Amino acid sequence: MSQQQPPGPQPPMPPRQKGAGLAVYKRELRKAIAKNRVEPEINFLNITAMMDMMTIILVFLLKSLSSSTASLPQSQDLQLPKSIMTTEPTSEPEGLALIVSKSQIIVGESVVCPVPPDAAQYGIEGKYKRGSRNDYFIVPLGSALQSWRDADKRIRMATGKDPSHSEAIIIADSLTPYRLLTEVMYTLGQTEFSKFHMMVLQGGKKQGS
């Protein structure tokens, strides 16, 4: 009869690893949050800085526009009147360029309405007026002027200038009828343009008066 051998010694059990303590967990969590943190400055736009930048750009464009009128090319559709003035203007005129040629009225670089053949008697056509053709207010011209006037008002307020008025440079053909010129100036006045300059020729050079 065989004898059973007693069981041999069992290998020792590995010690149970302790879980990470709460302090270690919090420390590792803070490290992960800090590593993935996004700086708040790049999540939004600085509106104040953008407004300042846009104001500077608008002022630059307005300055460029006013200075570009001095090099305005002439054509059969636009011949500037000649002046008998012998003195130079005291300062370079600034403001919105408003062109009145034989065939159309242009504000900046946009055509606002055509000039009819009978403008000397009736001015701009009635469909461009508020009521009848006898009215002096030119609606599309007034809309274009008001849009420019609103922008100029904001620029003047931002740059510390008087925002209560704006200026315009009228570049009209020498044969522009008085009736048409009156309608243009009336529309300018109705849109808070209180000062006008007329572009004329003197001794082969252009100048504002």
N, C-alpha and C. Protein backbone atom coordinates (compact mmCIF):
# COMPACT_ATOMS: atom_id res chain seq x y z
N MET A 1 0.88 -1.19 0.00
CA MET A 1 0.00 0.00 0.00
C MET A 1 0.90 1.22 0.00
N SER A 2 0.59 2.07 -0.99
CA SER A 2 1.51 3.23 -1.15
C SER A 2 1.11 4.35 -0.21
N GLN A 3 2.10 5.08 0.19
CA GLN A 3 1.83 6.22 1.05
C GLN A 3 1.81 7.51 0.22
N GLN A 4 0.85 8.39 0.57
CA GLN A 4 0.76 9.68 -0.12
C GLN A 4 1.77 10.65 0.46
N GLN A 5 2.48 11.25 -0.46
CA GLN A 5 3.47 12.23 -0.04
C GLN A 5 2.77 13.53 0.34
N PRO A 6 3.21 14.14 1.42
CA PRO A 6 2.57 15.43 1.78
C PRO A 6 2.85 16.50 0.72
N PRO A 7 1.93 17.35 0.51
CA PRO A 7 2.12 18.39 -0.53
C PRO A 7 3.32 19.24 -0.21
N GLY A 8 4.05 19.61 -1.33
CA GLY A 8 5.23 20.45 -1.16
C GLY A 8 4.86 21.88 -0.81
N PRO A 9 5.84 22.66 -0.48
CA PRO A 9 5.56 24.07 -0.12
C PRO A 9 5.02 24.85 -1.32
N GLN A 10 3.99 25.66 -1.11
CA GLN A 10 3.37 26.47 -2.17
C GLN A 10 4.17 27.77 -2.37
N PRO A 11 4.27 28.26 -3.64
CA PRO A 11 4.98 29.54 -3.89
C PRO A 11 4.24 30.68 -3.21
N PRO A 12 5.02 31.64 -2.72
CA PRO A 12 4.36 32.76 -2.02
C PRO A 12 3.50 33.60 -2.97
N MET A 13 2.35 34.09 -2.47
CA MET A 13 1.45 34.95 -3.26
C MET A 13 2.06 36.34 -3.40
N PRO A 14 2.00 36.93 -4.62
CA PRO A 14 2.53 38.31 -4.80
C PRO A 14 1.74 39.29 -3.96
N PRO A 15 2.43 40.26 -3.43
CA PRO A 15 1.70 41.24 -2.60
C PRO A 15 0.73 42.04 -3.43
N ARG A 16 -0.42 42.30 -2.88
CA ARG A 16 -1.46 43.09 -3.57
C ARG A 16 -1.02 44.55 -3.65
N GLN A 17 -1.08 45.05 -4.91
CA GLN A 17 -0.69 46.45 -5.11
C GLN A 17 -1.78 47.37 -4.57
N LYS A 18 -1.31 48.37 -3.92
CA LYS A 18 -2.25 49.36 -3.37
C LYS A 18 -2.68 50.33 -4.46
N GLY A 19 -3.92 50.74 -4.47
CA GLY A 19 -4.41 51.72 -5.44
C GLY A 19 -3.79 53.08 -5.19
N ALA A 20 -3.76 53.89 -6.27
CA ALA A 20 -3.18 55.23 -6.15
C ALA A 20 -3.99 56.04 -5.16
N GLY A 21 -3.26 56.74 -4.36
CA GLY A 21 -3.94 57.57 -3.37
C GLY A 21 -4.67 58.74 -4.00
N LEU A 22 -5.59 59.33 -3.26
CA LEU A 22 -6.37 60.46 -3.75
C LEU A 22 -5.48 61.65 -4.09
N ALA A 23 -4.43 61.88 -3.32
CA ALA A 23 -3.53 63.00 -3.58
C ALA A 23 -2.79 62.83 -4.90
N VAL A 24 -2.35 61.57 -5.17
CA VAL A 24 -1.66 61.29 -6.44
C VAL A 24 -2.60 61.48 -7.62
N TYR A 25 -3.83 61.04 -7.46
CA TYR A 25 -4.83 61.17 -8.53
C TYR A 25 -5.09 62.64 -8.87
N LYS A 26 -5.24 63.45 -7.82
CA LYS A 26 -5.49 64.86 -8.04
C LYS A 26 -4.30 65.54 -8.72
N ARG A 27 -3.09 65.13 -8.32
CA ARG A 27 -1.89 65.73 -8.93
C ARG A 27 -1.80 65.40 -10.41
N GLU A 28 -2.05 64.14 -10.76
CA GLU A 28 -1.99 63.74 -12.15
C GLU A 28 -3.10 64.42 -12.97
N LEU A 29 -4.27 64.61 -12.35
CA LEU A 29 -5.37 65.28 -13.04
C LEU A 29 -5.04 66.72 -13.35
N ARG A 30 -4.39 67.40 -12.36
CA ARG A 30 -4.00 68.79 -12.59
C ARG A 30 -2.97 68.90 -13.72
N LYS A 31 -2.06 67.92 -13.78
CA LYS A 31 -1.06 67.93 -14.85
C LYS A 31 -1.71 67.77 -16.22
N ALA A 32 -2.69 66.88 -16.30
CA ALA A 32 -3.37 66.65 -17.59
C ALA A 32 -4.15 67.87 -18.04
N ILE A 33 -4.81 68.52 -17.07
CA ILE A 33 -5.58 69.73 -17.41
C ILE A 33 -4.65 70.84 -17.86
N ALA A 34 -3.52 71.02 -17.15
CA ALA A 34 -2.58 72.08 -17.52
C ALA A 34 -1.96 71.83 -18.89
N LYS A 35 -1.73 70.53 -19.22
CA LYS A 35 -1.12 70.20 -20.50
C LYS A 35 -2.05 70.51 -21.66
N ASN A 36 -3.34 70.30 -21.48
CA ASN A 36 -4.32 70.50 -22.56
C ASN A 36 -5.02 71.85 -22.50
N ARG A 37 -4.56 72.71 -21.63
CA ARG A 37 -5.23 74.01 -21.47
C ARG A 37 -4.97 74.88 -22.70
N VAL A 38 -6.02 75.60 -23.15
CA VAL A 38 -5.91 76.54 -24.27
C VAL A 38 -6.02 77.94 -23.73
N GLU A 39 -5.10 78.78 -24.13
CA GLU A 39 -5.12 80.15 -23.64
C GLU A 39 -6.40 80.85 -24.10
N PRO A 40 -7.08 81.55 -23.19
CA PRO A 40 -8.38 82.16 -23.56
C PRO A 40 -8.25 83.26 -24.60
N GLU A 41 -7.06 83.84 -24.78
CA GLU A 41 -6.94 84.96 -25.71
C GLU A 41 -7.21 84.55 -27.16
N ILE A 42 -6.99 83.29 -27.50
CA ILE A 42 -7.17 82.87 -28.88
C ILE A 42 -8.57 82.34 -29.15
N ASN A 43 -9.44 82.36 -28.16
CA ASN A 43 -10.79 81.88 -28.33
C ASN A 43 -11.78 82.99 -28.66
N PHE A 44 -11.34 84.23 -28.69
CA PHE A 44 -12.25 85.32 -29.01
C PHE A 44 -11.47 86.43 -29.69
N LEU A 45 -12.18 87.33 -30.35
CA LEU A 45 -11.57 88.44 -31.06
C LEU A 45 -11.66 89.70 -30.23
N ASN A 46 -10.62 90.50 -30.27
CA ASN A 46 -10.62 91.77 -29.56
C ASN A 46 -11.33 92.80 -30.43
N ILE A 47 -12.61 93.06 -30.13
CA ILE A 47 -13.42 93.94 -30.95
C ILE A 47 -12.88 95.37 -30.95
N THR A 48 -12.39 95.82 -29.80
CA THR A 48 -11.88 97.19 -29.71
C THR A 48 -10.71 97.40 -30.66
N ALA A 49 -9.78 96.46 -30.66
CA ALA A 49 -8.63 96.57 -31.56
C ALA A 49 -9.06 96.51 -33.02
N MET A 50 -10.05 95.68 -33.32
CA MET A 50 -10.53 95.59 -34.70
C MET A 50 -11.19 96.88 -35.15
N MET A 51 -11.96 97.52 -34.27
CA MET A 51 -12.59 98.79 -34.61
C MET A 51 -11.54 99.87 -34.86
N ASP A 52 -10.50 99.90 -34.04
CA ASP A 52 -9.42 100.86 -34.25
C ASP A 52 -8.76 100.62 -35.61
N MET A 53 -8.54 99.36 -35.94
CA MET A 53 -7.90 99.04 -37.22
C MET A 53 -8.77 99.45 -38.39
N MET A 54 -10.09 99.19 -38.31
CA MET A 54 -10.99 99.56 -39.39
C MET A 54 -11.09 101.06 -39.54
N THR A 55 -11.05 101.79 -38.42
CA THR A 55 -11.09 103.25 -38.49
C THR A 55 -9.87 103.79 -39.22
N ILE A 56 -8.70 103.24 -38.92
CA ILE A 56 -7.47 103.67 -39.59
C ILE A 56 -7.55 103.38 -41.08
N ILE A 57 -8.08 102.22 -41.44
CA ILE A 57 -8.19 101.86 -42.86
C ILE A 57 -9.15 102.80 -43.58
N LEU A 58 -10.28 103.12 -42.94
CA LEU A 58 -11.25 104.02 -43.56
C LEU A 58 -10.69 105.42 -43.74
N VAL A 59 -9.97 105.91 -42.74
CA VAL A 59 -9.35 107.22 -42.86
C VAL A 59 -8.36 107.23 -44.01
N PHE A 60 -7.58 106.16 -44.12
CA PHE A 60 -6.61 106.07 -45.21
C PHE A 60 -7.31 106.07 -46.57
N LEU A 61 -8.42 105.33 -46.69
CA LEU A 61 -9.15 105.28 -47.95
C LEU A 61 -9.75 106.63 -48.31
N LEU A 62 -10.29 107.32 -47.31
CA LEU A 62 -10.87 108.64 -47.56
C LEU A 62 -9.80 109.63 -48.00
N LYS A 63 -8.64 109.57 -47.36
CA LYS A 63 -7.54 110.45 -47.76
C LYS A 63 -7.10 110.14 -49.18
N SER A 64 -7.03 108.87 -49.52
CA SER A 64 -6.61 108.48 -50.86
C SER A 64 -7.62 108.94 -51.89
N LEU A 65 -8.92 108.82 -51.54
CA LEU A 65 -9.97 109.23 -52.47
C LEU A 65 -9.93 110.72 -52.72
N SER A 66 -9.75 111.51 -51.67
CA SER A 66 -9.74 112.96 -51.84
C SER A 66 -8.52 113.42 -52.63
N SER A 67 -7.39 112.75 -52.45
CA SER A 67 -6.18 113.15 -53.18
C SER A 67 -6.21 112.68 -54.62
N SER A 68 -6.96 111.58 -54.90
CA SER A 68 -6.99 111.06 -56.26
C SER A 68 -7.78 111.96 -57.20
N THR A 69 -8.65 112.84 -56.67
CA THR A 69 -9.42 113.72 -57.53
C THR A 69 -8.53 114.72 -58.26
N ALA A 70 -7.35 115.01 -57.70
CA ALA A 70 -6.46 115.97 -58.34
C ALA A 70 -5.89 115.43 -59.64
N SER A 71 -5.87 114.12 -59.82
CA SER A 71 -5.34 113.52 -61.04
C SER A 71 -6.45 112.94 -61.90
N LEU A 72 -7.67 113.48 -61.78
CA LEU A 72 -8.81 112.97 -62.51
C LEU A 72 -8.63 113.22 -64.00
N PRO A 73 -8.67 112.18 -64.83
CA PRO A 73 -8.53 112.39 -66.28
C PRO A 73 -9.78 113.01 -66.87
N GLN A 74 -9.60 113.85 -67.88
CA GLN A 74 -10.73 114.46 -68.56
C GLN A 74 -11.02 113.71 -69.85
N SER A 75 -12.26 113.83 -70.31
CA SER A 75 -12.70 113.16 -71.53
C SER A 75 -13.77 114.02 -72.19
N GLN A 76 -14.31 113.51 -73.28
CA GLN A 76 -15.39 114.24 -73.94
C GLN A 76 -16.62 114.35 -73.06
N ASP A 77 -16.76 113.40 -72.12
CA ASP A 77 -17.92 113.40 -71.23
C ASP A 77 -17.72 114.28 -70.01
N LEU A 78 -16.48 114.69 -69.75
CA LEU A 78 -16.19 115.50 -68.57
C LEU A 78 -15.05 116.47 -68.87
N GLN A 79 -15.38 117.73 -69.01
CA GLN A 79 -14.40 118.80 -69.20
C GLN A 79 -14.56 119.79 -68.05
N LEU A 80 -13.53 119.91 -67.23
CA LEU A 80 -13.63 120.78 -66.06
C LEU A 80 -13.69 122.24 -66.48
N PRO A 81 -14.44 123.04 -65.74
CA PRO A 81 -14.48 124.48 -66.03
C PRO A 81 -13.14 125.14 -65.72
N LYS A 82 -12.85 126.26 -66.40
CA LYS A 82 -11.61 127.00 -66.17
C LYS A 82 -11.89 128.16 -65.22
N SER A 83 -10.95 128.40 -64.35
CA SER A 83 -11.09 129.46 -63.35
C SER A 83 -10.19 130.64 -63.70
N ILE A 84 -10.64 131.83 -63.31
CA ILE A 84 -9.82 133.04 -63.51
C ILE A 84 -9.02 133.36 -62.26
N MET A 85 -9.11 132.51 -61.25
CA MET A 85 -8.37 132.74 -60.03
C MET A 85 -6.87 132.62 -60.29
N THR A 86 -6.11 133.49 -59.67
CA THR A 86 -4.65 133.46 -59.84
C THR A 86 -3.93 132.97 -58.60
N THR A 87 -4.65 132.84 -57.50
CA THR A 87 -4.03 132.39 -56.25
C THR A 87 -4.30 130.91 -56.04
N GLU A 88 -3.35 130.25 -55.41
CA GLU A 88 -3.49 128.85 -55.10
C GLU A 88 -4.43 128.67 -53.91
N PRO A 89 -5.16 127.57 -53.83
CA PRO A 89 -6.02 127.33 -52.66
C PRO A 89 -5.18 127.21 -51.40
N THR A 90 -5.76 127.65 -50.29
CA THR A 90 -5.02 127.64 -49.02
C THR A 90 -4.74 126.24 -48.51
N SER A 91 -5.56 125.28 -48.88
CA SER A 91 -5.36 123.89 -48.44
C SER A 91 -5.94 122.95 -49.46
N GLU A 92 -5.47 121.73 -49.42
CA GLU A 92 -5.98 120.69 -50.32
C GLU A 92 -7.39 120.29 -49.89
N PRO A 93 -8.37 120.37 -50.80
CA PRO A 93 -9.75 120.02 -50.40
C PRO A 93 -9.87 118.54 -50.06
N GLU A 94 -10.68 118.26 -49.07
CA GLU A 94 -10.92 116.89 -48.65
C GLU A 94 -12.42 116.63 -48.63
N GLY A 95 -12.80 115.41 -48.92
CA GLY A 95 -14.20 115.07 -48.88
C GLY A 95 -14.55 114.02 -49.91
N LEU A 96 -15.84 113.79 -50.06
CA LEU A 96 -16.34 112.79 -51.00
C LEU A 96 -16.30 113.35 -52.42
N ALA A 97 -15.76 112.58 -53.35
CA ALA A 97 -15.72 112.98 -54.75
C ALA A 97 -17.07 112.69 -55.40
N LEU A 98 -17.71 113.74 -55.94
CA LEU A 98 -19.00 113.61 -56.60
C LEU A 98 -18.84 114.15 -58.03
N ILE A 99 -18.95 113.27 -59.00
CA ILE A 99 -18.72 113.64 -60.40
C ILE A 99 -20.06 113.83 -61.11
N VAL A 100 -20.19 114.96 -61.79
CA VAL A 100 -21.37 115.24 -62.62
C VAL A 100 -20.86 115.44 -64.04
N SER A 101 -20.96 114.42 -64.86
CA SER A 101 -20.52 114.52 -66.25
C SER A 101 -21.70 114.85 -67.15
N LYS A 102 -21.47 114.80 -68.45
CA LYS A 102 -22.55 115.09 -69.39
C LYS A 102 -23.60 113.98 -69.42
N SER A 103 -23.22 112.77 -69.00
CA SER A 103 -24.13 111.63 -69.15
C SER A 103 -24.55 110.97 -67.84
N GLN A 104 -23.82 111.23 -66.72
CA GLN A 104 -24.15 110.50 -65.50
C GLN A 104 -23.61 111.20 -64.26
N ILE A 105 -24.17 110.80 -63.10
CA ILE A 105 -23.70 111.27 -61.80
C ILE A 105 -23.03 110.10 -61.10
N ILE A 106 -21.81 110.32 -60.59
CA ILE A 106 -21.03 109.27 -59.98
C ILE A 106 -20.64 109.69 -58.57
N VAL A 107 -20.85 108.81 -57.61
CA VAL A 107 -20.41 109.02 -56.23
C VAL A 107 -19.30 108.03 -55.93
N GLY A 108 -18.11 108.54 -55.65
CA GLY A 108 -16.97 107.66 -55.47
C GLY A 108 -16.63 107.01 -56.80
N GLU A 109 -16.94 105.72 -56.90
CA GLU A 109 -16.73 104.99 -58.14
C GLU A 109 -18.02 104.35 -58.66
N SER A 110 -19.17 104.71 -58.07
CA SER A 110 -20.44 104.10 -58.43
C SER A 110 -21.34 105.09 -59.16
N VAL A 111 -21.90 104.65 -60.28
CA VAL A 111 -22.87 105.48 -61.02
C VAL A 111 -24.21 105.39 -60.30
N VAL A 112 -24.78 106.55 -59.95
CA VAL A 112 -26.04 106.55 -59.21
C VAL A 112 -27.25 106.81 -60.10
N CYS A 113 -27.07 107.60 -61.17
CA CYS A 113 -28.17 107.85 -62.09
C CYS A 113 -27.64 108.52 -63.35
N PRO A 114 -28.36 108.39 -64.46
CA PRO A 114 -27.94 109.04 -65.70
C PRO A 114 -28.39 110.50 -65.74
N VAL A 115 -27.75 111.27 -66.59
CA VAL A 115 -28.14 112.66 -66.83
C VAL A 115 -28.89 112.72 -68.15
N PRO A 116 -30.16 113.11 -68.14
CA PRO A 116 -30.94 113.12 -69.38
C PRO A 116 -30.56 114.29 -70.28
N PRO A 117 -30.91 114.22 -71.57
CA PRO A 117 -30.58 115.32 -72.49
C PRO A 117 -31.26 116.64 -72.14
N ASP A 118 -32.43 116.58 -71.50
CA ASP A 118 -33.16 117.80 -71.18
C ASP A 118 -32.94 118.22 -69.72
N ALA A 119 -31.77 117.89 -69.16
CA ALA A 119 -31.49 118.23 -67.76
C ALA A 119 -31.45 119.73 -67.52
N ALA A 120 -31.18 120.52 -68.55
CA ALA A 120 -31.13 121.97 -68.38
C ALA A 120 -32.49 122.53 -68.01
N GLN A 121 -33.54 121.88 -68.46
CA GLN A 121 -34.89 122.39 -68.18
C GLN A 121 -35.56 121.70 -67.01
N TYR A 122 -35.37 120.38 -66.90
CA TYR A 122 -36.11 119.61 -65.90
C TYR A 122 -35.22 118.91 -64.87
N GLY A 123 -33.92 118.92 -65.08
CA GLY A 123 -33.04 118.22 -64.16
C GLY A 123 -33.09 116.72 -64.37
N ILE A 124 -32.87 115.97 -63.32
CA ILE A 124 -32.89 114.51 -63.40
C ILE A 124 -34.32 114.01 -63.62
N GLU A 125 -34.47 112.87 -64.25
CA GLU A 125 -35.78 112.32 -64.55
C GLU A 125 -36.62 112.12 -63.29
N GLY A 126 -37.95 112.18 -63.48
CA GLY A 126 -38.87 112.09 -62.36
C GLY A 126 -38.81 110.78 -61.60
N LYS A 127 -38.45 109.68 -62.26
CA LYS A 127 -38.42 108.39 -61.58
C LYS A 127 -37.29 108.32 -60.54
N TYR A 128 -36.37 109.26 -60.60
CA TYR A 128 -35.29 109.32 -59.62
C TYR A 128 -35.55 110.37 -58.53
N LYS A 129 -36.75 110.96 -58.55
CA LYS A 129 -37.10 111.99 -57.56
C LYS A 129 -38.05 111.41 -56.52
N ARG A 130 -38.30 112.17 -55.45
CA ARG A 130 -39.20 111.70 -54.39
C ARG A 130 -40.66 111.74 -54.82
N GLY A 131 -41.06 112.79 -55.53
CA GLY A 131 -42.45 112.91 -55.95
C GLY A 131 -42.55 113.09 -57.43
N SER A 132 -42.38 114.30 -57.89
CA SER A 132 -42.44 114.59 -59.32
C SER A 132 -41.08 115.07 -59.80
N ARG A 133 -41.01 115.37 -61.07
CA ARG A 133 -39.73 115.82 -61.63
C ARG A 133 -39.39 117.23 -61.16
N ASN A 134 -40.37 117.95 -60.64
CA ASN A 134 -40.11 119.30 -60.14
C ASN A 134 -39.37 119.29 -58.80
N ASP A 135 -39.35 118.13 -58.14
CA ASP A 135 -38.62 118.02 -56.88
C ASP A 135 -37.13 118.16 -57.14
N TYR A 136 -36.41 118.68 -56.14
CA TYR A 136 -34.97 118.89 -56.29
C TYR A 136 -34.14 117.77 -55.65
N PHE A 137 -34.77 116.87 -54.92
CA PHE A 137 -34.04 115.80 -54.23
C PHE A 137 -33.90 114.59 -55.15
N ILE A 138 -32.66 114.16 -55.40
CA ILE A 138 -32.38 113.01 -56.25
C ILE A 138 -32.22 111.79 -55.33
N VAL A 139 -33.17 110.87 -55.38
CA VAL A 139 -33.23 109.77 -54.41
C VAL A 139 -31.99 108.86 -54.44
N PRO A 140 -31.58 108.30 -55.58
CA PRO A 140 -30.40 107.42 -55.54
C PRO A 140 -29.12 108.16 -55.13
N LEU A 141 -29.03 109.43 -55.50
CA LEU A 141 -27.88 110.22 -55.06
C LEU A 141 -27.93 110.43 -53.55
N GLY A 142 -29.10 110.72 -53.03
CA GLY A 142 -29.25 110.91 -51.59
C GLY A 142 -28.90 109.65 -50.81
N SER A 143 -29.28 108.48 -51.32
CA SER A 143 -28.97 107.22 -50.64
C SER A 143 -27.47 106.97 -50.59
N ALA A 144 -26.79 107.23 -51.72
CA ALA A 144 -25.34 107.03 -51.76
C ALA A 144 -24.63 108.03 -50.84
N LEU A 145 -25.10 109.26 -50.83
CA LEU A 145 -24.50 110.29 -49.97
C LEU A 145 -24.72 109.97 -48.50
N GLN A 146 -25.91 109.50 -48.16
CA GLN A 146 -26.22 109.19 -46.76
C GLN A 146 -25.36 108.05 -46.24
N SER A 147 -25.14 107.04 -47.09
CA SER A 147 -24.29 105.92 -46.69
C SER A 147 -22.86 106.40 -46.41
N TRP A 148 -22.34 107.25 -47.28
CA TRP A 148 -20.99 107.78 -47.06
C TRP A 148 -20.96 108.70 -45.85
N ARG A 149 -22.00 109.47 -45.69
CA ARG A 149 -22.09 110.41 -44.57
C ARG A 149 -22.09 109.67 -43.23
N ASP A 150 -22.82 108.56 -43.12
CA ASP A 150 -22.86 107.79 -41.89
C ASP A 150 -21.47 107.25 -41.53
N ALA A 151 -20.74 106.76 -42.55
CA ALA A 151 -19.39 106.26 -42.29
C ALA A 151 -18.46 107.40 -41.89
N ASP A 152 -18.59 108.53 -42.56
CA ASP A 152 -17.73 109.68 -42.24
C ASP A 152 -18.01 110.21 -40.83
N LYS A 153 -19.26 110.14 -40.41
CA LYS A 153 -19.62 110.59 -39.07
C LYS A 153 -18.93 109.73 -38.01
N ARG A 154 -18.92 108.42 -38.22
CA ARG A 154 -18.25 107.52 -37.27
C ARG A 154 -16.75 107.77 -37.23
N ILE A 155 -16.17 108.04 -38.39
CA ILE A 155 -14.74 108.31 -38.46
C ILE A 155 -14.41 109.61 -37.74
N ARG A 156 -15.23 110.62 -37.94
CA ARG A 156 -14.99 111.91 -37.29
C ARG A 156 -15.10 111.78 -35.77
N MET A 157 -16.05 111.02 -35.30
CA MET A 157 -16.19 110.83 -33.86
C MET A 157 -14.98 110.08 -33.30
N ALA A 158 -14.48 109.09 -34.05
CA ALA A 158 -13.35 108.30 -33.58
C ALA A 158 -12.05 109.08 -33.60
N THR A 159 -11.95 110.07 -34.50
CA THR A 159 -10.71 110.84 -34.63
C THR A 159 -10.79 112.21 -33.96
N GLY A 160 -11.86 112.47 -33.22
CA GLY A 160 -11.97 113.72 -32.48
C GLY A 160 -12.35 114.93 -33.31
N LYS A 161 -12.92 114.72 -34.52
CA LYS A 161 -13.35 115.83 -35.36
C LYS A 161 -14.84 116.08 -35.17
N ASP A 162 -15.29 117.22 -35.69
CA ASP A 162 -16.69 117.60 -35.57
C ASP A 162 -17.53 116.66 -36.44
N PRO A 163 -18.42 115.85 -35.84
CA PRO A 163 -19.21 114.91 -36.63
C PRO A 163 -20.50 115.50 -37.20
N SER A 164 -20.73 116.78 -36.99
CA SER A 164 -22.01 117.38 -37.38
C SER A 164 -22.09 117.72 -38.86
N HIS A 165 -21.00 117.61 -39.58
CA HIS A 165 -21.04 117.92 -41.01
C HIS A 165 -19.98 117.13 -41.76
N SER A 166 -20.20 117.00 -43.08
CA SER A 166 -19.22 116.37 -43.96
C SER A 166 -18.98 117.29 -45.15
N GLU A 167 -17.91 117.00 -45.90
CA GLU A 167 -17.54 117.81 -47.04
C GLU A 167 -17.59 116.99 -48.32
N ALA A 168 -17.80 117.67 -49.44
CA ALA A 168 -17.85 117.00 -50.74
C ALA A 168 -17.08 117.83 -51.76
N ILE A 169 -16.48 117.14 -52.71
CA ILE A 169 -15.79 117.78 -53.82
C ILE A 169 -16.61 117.53 -55.08
N ILE A 170 -17.22 118.58 -55.62
CA ILE A 170 -18.05 118.46 -56.82
C ILE A 170 -17.15 118.63 -58.05
N ILE A 171 -17.11 117.59 -58.85
CA ILE A 171 -16.32 117.61 -60.08
C ILE A 171 -17.31 117.59 -61.23
N ALA A 172 -17.68 118.76 -61.70
CA ALA A 172 -18.75 118.89 -62.68
C ALA A 172 -18.20 119.33 -64.03
N ASP A 173 -18.86 118.87 -65.08
CA ASP A 173 -18.51 119.31 -66.42
C ASP A 173 -18.77 120.80 -66.57
N SER A 174 -17.97 121.45 -67.40
CA SER A 174 -18.11 122.91 -67.56
C SER A 174 -19.46 123.30 -68.14
N LEU A 175 -20.14 122.37 -68.81
CA LEU A 175 -21.45 122.66 -69.41
C LEU A 175 -22.61 122.11 -68.57
N THR A 176 -22.36 121.77 -67.33
CA THR A 176 -23.43 121.27 -66.46
C THR A 176 -24.52 122.32 -66.29
N PRO A 177 -25.77 121.98 -66.58
CA PRO A 177 -26.86 122.96 -66.44
C PRO A 177 -27.02 123.43 -64.99
N TYR A 178 -27.42 124.68 -64.85
CA TYR A 178 -27.61 125.24 -63.51
C TYR A 178 -28.66 124.46 -62.74
N ARG A 179 -29.73 124.05 -63.42
CA ARG A 179 -30.80 123.29 -62.76
C ARG A 179 -30.25 121.99 -62.18
N LEU A 180 -29.44 121.28 -62.93
CA LEU A 180 -28.88 120.02 -62.46
C LEU A 180 -27.91 120.25 -61.30
N LEU A 181 -27.08 121.25 -61.41
CA LEU A 181 -26.13 121.54 -60.33
C LEU A 181 -26.87 121.93 -59.05
N THR A 182 -27.98 122.65 -59.20
CA THR A 182 -28.79 123.02 -58.03
C THR A 182 -29.37 121.78 -57.36
N GLU A 183 -29.84 120.83 -58.15
CA GLU A 183 -30.40 119.60 -57.57
C GLU A 183 -29.32 118.81 -56.82
N VAL A 184 -28.12 118.75 -57.39
CA VAL A 184 -27.02 118.03 -56.74
C VAL A 184 -26.68 118.69 -55.41
N MET A 185 -26.56 120.01 -55.40
CA MET A 185 -26.20 120.72 -54.17
C MET A 185 -27.33 120.64 -53.14
N TYR A 186 -28.58 120.67 -53.59
CA TYR A 186 -29.71 120.54 -52.66
C TYR A 186 -29.69 119.16 -51.99
N THR A 187 -29.44 118.11 -52.78
CA THR A 187 -29.38 116.76 -52.24
C THR A 187 -28.23 116.63 -51.25
N LEU A 188 -27.11 117.26 -51.55
CA LEU A 188 -25.97 117.26 -50.61
C LEU A 188 -26.37 117.89 -49.29
N GLY A 189 -27.05 119.02 -49.36
CA GLY A 189 -27.47 119.70 -48.13
C GLY A 189 -28.46 118.89 -47.31
N GLN A 190 -29.33 118.14 -47.99
CA GLN A 190 -30.32 117.32 -47.28
C GLN A 190 -29.68 116.11 -46.59
N THR A 191 -28.49 115.76 -46.97
CA THR A 191 -27.79 114.62 -46.34
C THR A 191 -26.64 115.10 -45.46
N GLU A 192 -26.72 116.32 -44.94
CA GLU A 192 -25.80 116.88 -43.95
C GLU A 192 -24.39 117.12 -44.49
N PHE A 193 -24.28 117.40 -45.77
CA PHE A 193 -23.01 117.87 -46.32
C PHE A 193 -23.07 119.40 -46.30
N SER A 194 -22.31 119.99 -45.39
CA SER A 194 -22.43 121.44 -45.18
C SER A 194 -21.35 122.23 -45.90
N LYS A 195 -20.37 121.56 -46.51
CA LYS A 195 -19.31 122.30 -47.19
C LYS A 195 -19.00 121.61 -48.51
N PHE A 196 -18.99 122.43 -49.59
CA PHE A 196 -18.73 121.90 -50.92
C PHE A 196 -17.48 122.56 -51.50
N HIS A 197 -16.74 121.78 -52.29
CA HIS A 197 -15.62 122.31 -53.06
C HIS A 197 -15.90 122.05 -54.54
N MET A 198 -15.54 122.99 -55.38
CA MET A 198 -15.70 122.83 -56.82
C MET A 198 -14.32 122.64 -57.44
N MET A 199 -14.18 121.58 -58.23
CA MET A 199 -12.93 121.32 -58.91
C MET A 199 -12.90 122.10 -60.22
N VAL A 200 -11.88 122.93 -60.41
CA VAL A 200 -11.76 123.77 -61.61
C VAL A 200 -10.34 123.68 -62.14
N LEU A 201 -10.15 124.21 -63.34
CA LEU A 201 -8.85 124.27 -63.98
C LEU A 201 -8.29 125.69 -63.87
N GLN A 202 -7.01 125.77 -63.57
CA GLN A 202 -6.34 127.07 -63.56
C GLN A 202 -4.97 126.90 -64.19
N GLY A 203 -4.76 127.53 -65.32
CA GLY A 203 -3.45 127.45 -65.98
C GLY A 203 -3.02 126.04 -66.30
N GLY A 204 -3.98 125.20 -66.70
CA GLY A 204 -3.65 123.80 -67.03
C GLY A 204 -3.55 122.91 -65.83
N LYS A 205 -3.73 123.44 -64.61
CA LYS A 205 -3.68 122.61 -63.39
C LYS A 205 -5.06 122.60 -62.74
N LYS A 206 -5.34 121.49 -62.10
CA LYS A 206 -6.62 121.36 -61.39
C LYS A 206 -6.46 121.88 -59.98
N GLN A 207 -7.53 122.48 -59.47
CA GLN A 207 -7.51 122.92 -58.09
C GLN A 207 -8.93 122.95 -57.57
N GLY A 208 -9.07 122.91 -56.26
CA GLY A 208 -10.37 123.00 -55.63
C GLY A 208 -10.60 124.41 -55.14
N SER A 209 -11.84 124.83 -55.12
CA SER A 209 -12.18 126.17 -54.66
C SER A 209 -13.42 126.11 -53.79
